[in-house]
C-alpha atoms as a PDB file:
ATOM      1  CA  MET A   1      13.867 -24.147  15.466  1.00  0.00           C
ATOM      2  CA  ALA A   2      16.456 -27.519  15.411  1.00  0.00           C
ATOM      3  CA  TRP A   3      15.277 -29.192  12.644  1.00  0.00           C
ATOM      4  CA  VAL A   4      16.419 -25.785  10.564  1.00  0.00           C
ATOM      5  CA  LEU A   5      19.751 -26.067  11.935  1.00  0.00           C
ATOM      6  CA  LEU A   6      19.802 -29.525  11.168  1.00  0.00           C
ATOM      7  CA  VAL A   7      19.805 -28.374   7.640  1.00  0.00           C
ATOM      8  CA  VAL A   8      21.464 -25.579   6.976  1.00  0.00           C
ATOM      9  CA  ALA A   9      24.581 -28.223   9.259  1.00  0.00           C
ATOM     10  CA  GLY A  10      23.574 -30.294   6.237  1.00  0.00           C
ATOM     11  CA  LEU A  11      23.829 -28.309   3.482  1.00  0.00           C
ATOM     12  CA  LEU A  12      26.966 -26.794   4.839  1.00  0.00           C
ATOM     13  CA  GLU A  13      28.794 -30.685   5.155  1.00  0.00           C
ATOM     14  CA  VAL A  14      27.337 -30.247   1.258  1.00  0.00           C
ATOM     15  CA  GLY A  15      29.621 -27.347   0.975  1.00  0.00           C
ATOM     16  CA  TRP A  16      33.314 -29.069   2.791  1.00  0.00           C
ATOM     17  CA  SER A  17      32.845 -32.012   0.951  1.00  0.00           C
ATOM     18  CA  VAL A  18      32.395 -30.395  -2.008  1.00  0.00           C
ATOM     19  CA  GLY A  19      35.231 -28.251  -1.239  1.00  0.00           C
ATOM     20  CA  MET A  20      37.640 -30.927  -0.340  1.00  0.00           C
ATOM     21  CA  LYS A  21      38.051 -31.655  -3.926  1.00  0.00           C
ATOM     22  CA  TYR A  22      39.351 -28.176  -4.362  1.00  0.00           C
ATOM     23  CA  THR A  23      42.201 -28.392  -1.573  1.00  0.00           C
ATOM     24  CA  ASP A  24      44.604 -30.427  -3.813  1.00  0.00           C
ATOM     25  CA  GLY A  25      44.978 -32.647   0.163  1.00  0.00           C
ATOM     26  CA  PHE A  26      44.559 -29.269   1.533  1.00  0.00           C
ATOM     27  CA  THR A  27      47.563 -27.408   0.267  1.00  0.00           C
ATOM     28  CA  ARG A  28      45.447 -24.793  -1.583  1.00  0.00           C
ATOM     29  CA  PRO A  29      45.809 -21.826   1.121  1.00  0.00           C
ATOM     30  CA  LEU A  30      41.453 -20.594  -0.134  1.00  0.00           C
ATOM     31  CA  PRO A  31      39.786 -23.760  -0.439  1.00  0.00           C
ATOM     32  CA  SER A  32      41.451 -24.734   2.358  1.00  0.00           C
ATOM     33  CA  VAL A  33      40.674 -21.949   5.186  1.00  0.00           C
ATOM     34  CA  LEU A  34      37.259 -22.319   3.532  1.00  0.00           C
ATOM     35  CA  THR A  35      36.604 -25.996   3.344  1.00  0.00           C
ATOM     36  CA  GLY A  36      37.971 -25.548   7.041  1.00  0.00           C
ATOM     37  CA  ALA A  37      35.300 -23.033   8.248  1.00  0.00           C
ATOM     38  CA  GLY A  38      32.398 -25.217   6.601  1.00  0.00           C
ATOM     39  CA  ILE A  39      33.542 -28.079   8.950  1.00  0.00           C
ATOM     40  CA  VAL A  40      33.534 -26.282  11.929  1.00  0.00           C
ATOM     41  CA  ALA A  41      29.706 -24.643  11.137  1.00  0.00           C
ATOM     42  CA  SER A  42      28.403 -27.668   9.996  1.00  0.00           C
ATOM     43  CA  MET A  43      29.418 -29.793  13.383  1.00  0.00           C
ATOM     44  CA  LEU A  44      28.442 -26.431  15.893  1.00  0.00           C
ATOM     45  CA  LEU A  45      25.350 -26.519  14.170  1.00  0.00           C
ATOM     46  CA  LEU A  46      24.579 -30.713  13.596  1.00  0.00           C
ATOM     47  CA  SER A  47      25.870 -30.090  18.258  1.00  0.00           C
ATOM     48  CA  GLN A  48      23.206 -27.367  19.425  1.00  0.00           C
ATOM     49  CA  ALA A  49      20.438 -29.890  16.822  1.00  0.00           C
ATOM     50  CA  ALA A  50      21.553 -32.922  18.871  1.00  0.00           C
ATOM     51  CA  ARG A  51      20.260 -30.937  22.034  1.00  0.00           C
ATOM     52  CA  THR A  52      17.396 -31.341  21.014  1.00  0.00           C
ATOM     53  CA  LEU A  53      16.537 -33.751  18.742  1.00  0.00           C
ATOM     54  CA  PRO A  54      17.895 -37.895  19.403  1.00  0.00           C
ATOM     55  CA  ILE A  55      21.621 -37.883  18.102  1.00  0.00           C
ATOM     56  CA  GLY A  56      20.530 -40.745  16.008  1.00  0.00           C
ATOM     57  CA  THR A  57      18.081 -38.804  13.998  1.00  0.00           C
ATOM     58  CA  ALA A  58      20.297 -35.605  14.517  1.00  0.00           C
ATOM     59  CA  TYR A  59      23.332 -37.541  13.168  1.00  0.00           C
ATOM     60  CA  GLY A  60      21.382 -39.312  10.454  1.00  0.00           C
ATOM     61  CA  VAL A  61      19.705 -36.338   8.493  1.00  0.00           C
ATOM     62  CA  TRP A  62      22.863 -35.057   8.717  1.00  0.00           C
ATOM     63  CA  VAL A  63      24.910 -37.671   6.902  1.00  0.00           C
ATOM     64  CA  GLY A  64      21.419 -37.840   4.026  1.00  0.00           C
ATOM     65  CA  ILE A  65      21.750 -34.862   2.996  1.00  0.00           C
ATOM     66  CA  GLY A  66      25.446 -34.428   3.254  1.00  0.00           C
ATOM     67  CA  ALA A  67      25.815 -37.334   0.806  1.00  0.00           C
ATOM     68  CA  ALA A  68      22.832 -37.257  -1.348  1.00  0.00           C
ATOM     69  CA  GLY A  69      23.679 -33.480  -2.173  1.00  0.00           C
ATOM     70  CA  ALA A  70      27.773 -34.262  -2.447  1.00  0.00           C
ATOM     71  CA  ALA A  71      26.021 -37.164  -4.921  1.00  0.00           C
ATOM     72  CA  VAL A  72      24.146 -34.981  -7.171  1.00  0.00           C
ATOM     73  CA  PHE A  73      26.387 -32.269  -6.789  1.00  0.00           C
ATOM     74  CA  GLY A  74      29.385 -34.467  -8.605  1.00  0.00           C
ATOM     75  CA  MET A  75      26.722 -35.605 -10.919  1.00  0.00           C
ATOM     76  CA  VAL A  76      25.212 -32.108 -11.854  1.00  0.00           C
ATOM     77  CA  VAL A  77      28.309 -29.655 -12.000  1.00  0.00           C
ATOM     78  CA  LEU A  78      31.302 -31.828 -11.586  1.00  0.00           C
ATOM     79  CA  GLY A  79      30.532 -34.707 -14.665  1.00  0.00           C
ATOM     80  CA  GLU A  80      29.871 -37.426 -12.689  1.00  0.00           C
ATOM     81  CA  PRO A  81      28.007 -40.990 -13.778  1.00  0.00           C
ATOM     82  CA  ALA A  82      23.849 -40.131 -13.357  1.00  0.00           C
ATOM     83  CA  THR A  83      23.393 -44.183 -14.310  1.00  0.00           C
ATOM     84  CA  ALA A  84      20.106 -45.267 -12.709  1.00  0.00           C
ATOM     85  CA  ALA A  85      21.430 -47.061 -10.276  1.00  0.00           C
ATOM     86  CA  ARG A  86      23.251 -43.747  -8.514  1.00  0.00           C
ATOM     87  CA  ILE A  87      19.955 -41.943  -8.738  1.00  0.00           C
ATOM     88  CA  PHE A  88      18.431 -44.543  -7.043  1.00  0.00           C
ATOM     89  CA  PHE A  89      20.480 -44.822  -4.053  1.00  0.00           C
ATOM     90  CA  VAL A  90      19.965 -41.242  -3.458  1.00  0.00           C
ATOM     91  CA  CYS A  91      16.640 -41.899  -3.432  1.00  0.00           C
ATOM     92  CA  LEU A  92      17.303 -43.579  -1.235  1.00  0.00           C
ATOM     93  CA  LEU A  93      19.183 -41.822   1.221  1.00  0.00           C
ATOM     94  CA  LEU A  94      16.306 -38.958   0.683  1.00  0.00           C
ATOM     95  CA  VAL A  95      13.037 -41.923   2.159  1.00  0.00           C
ATOM     96  CA  ALA A  96      16.069 -42.475   5.027  1.00  0.00           C
ATOM     97  CA  VAL A  97      16.033 -38.443   5.850  1.00  0.00           C
ATOM     98  CA  VAL A  98      12.962 -38.308   5.697  1.00  0.00           C
ATOM     99  CA  GLY A  99      11.528 -41.398   7.574  1.00  0.00           C
ATOM    100  CA  LEU A 100      13.694 -40.337  10.300  1.00  0.00           C
ATOM    101  CA  LYS A 101      12.591 -37.311  10.503  1.00  0.00           C
ATOM    102  CA  ALA A 102       8.607 -38.345  10.574  1.00  0.00           C
ATOM    103  CA  THR A 103       9.550 -40.919  13.865  1.00  0.00           C
ATOM    104  CA  SER A 104      11.713 -38.754  15.314  1.00  0.00           C
ATOM    105  CA  GLY A 105       9.320 -37.535  17.293  1.00  0.00           C
ATOM    106  CA  HIS A 106       9.675 -34.224  17.480  1.00  0.00           C
END
């Protein structure tokens, strides 16, 4: 169950990190509230997952999902550059996430 919570926390991190783009420095109320709620929910789920998973693994996976997800969202939805180098490094992030899970012992 901890892994499910951690993946959901990571997906929420993608949501709130992308949401920050739409807050305009937290001057737009609705995007700001949604982004804040995403931050809180993501942290709560991360903290629950870290109760049973090693913190280094939990945090690394959470950050990896968030970073890779935000980068892919930016490339696919926001029209950010999708260069070979960016795609390569996103793949490295995903390899690191899988590696952390594989070596966590859980």
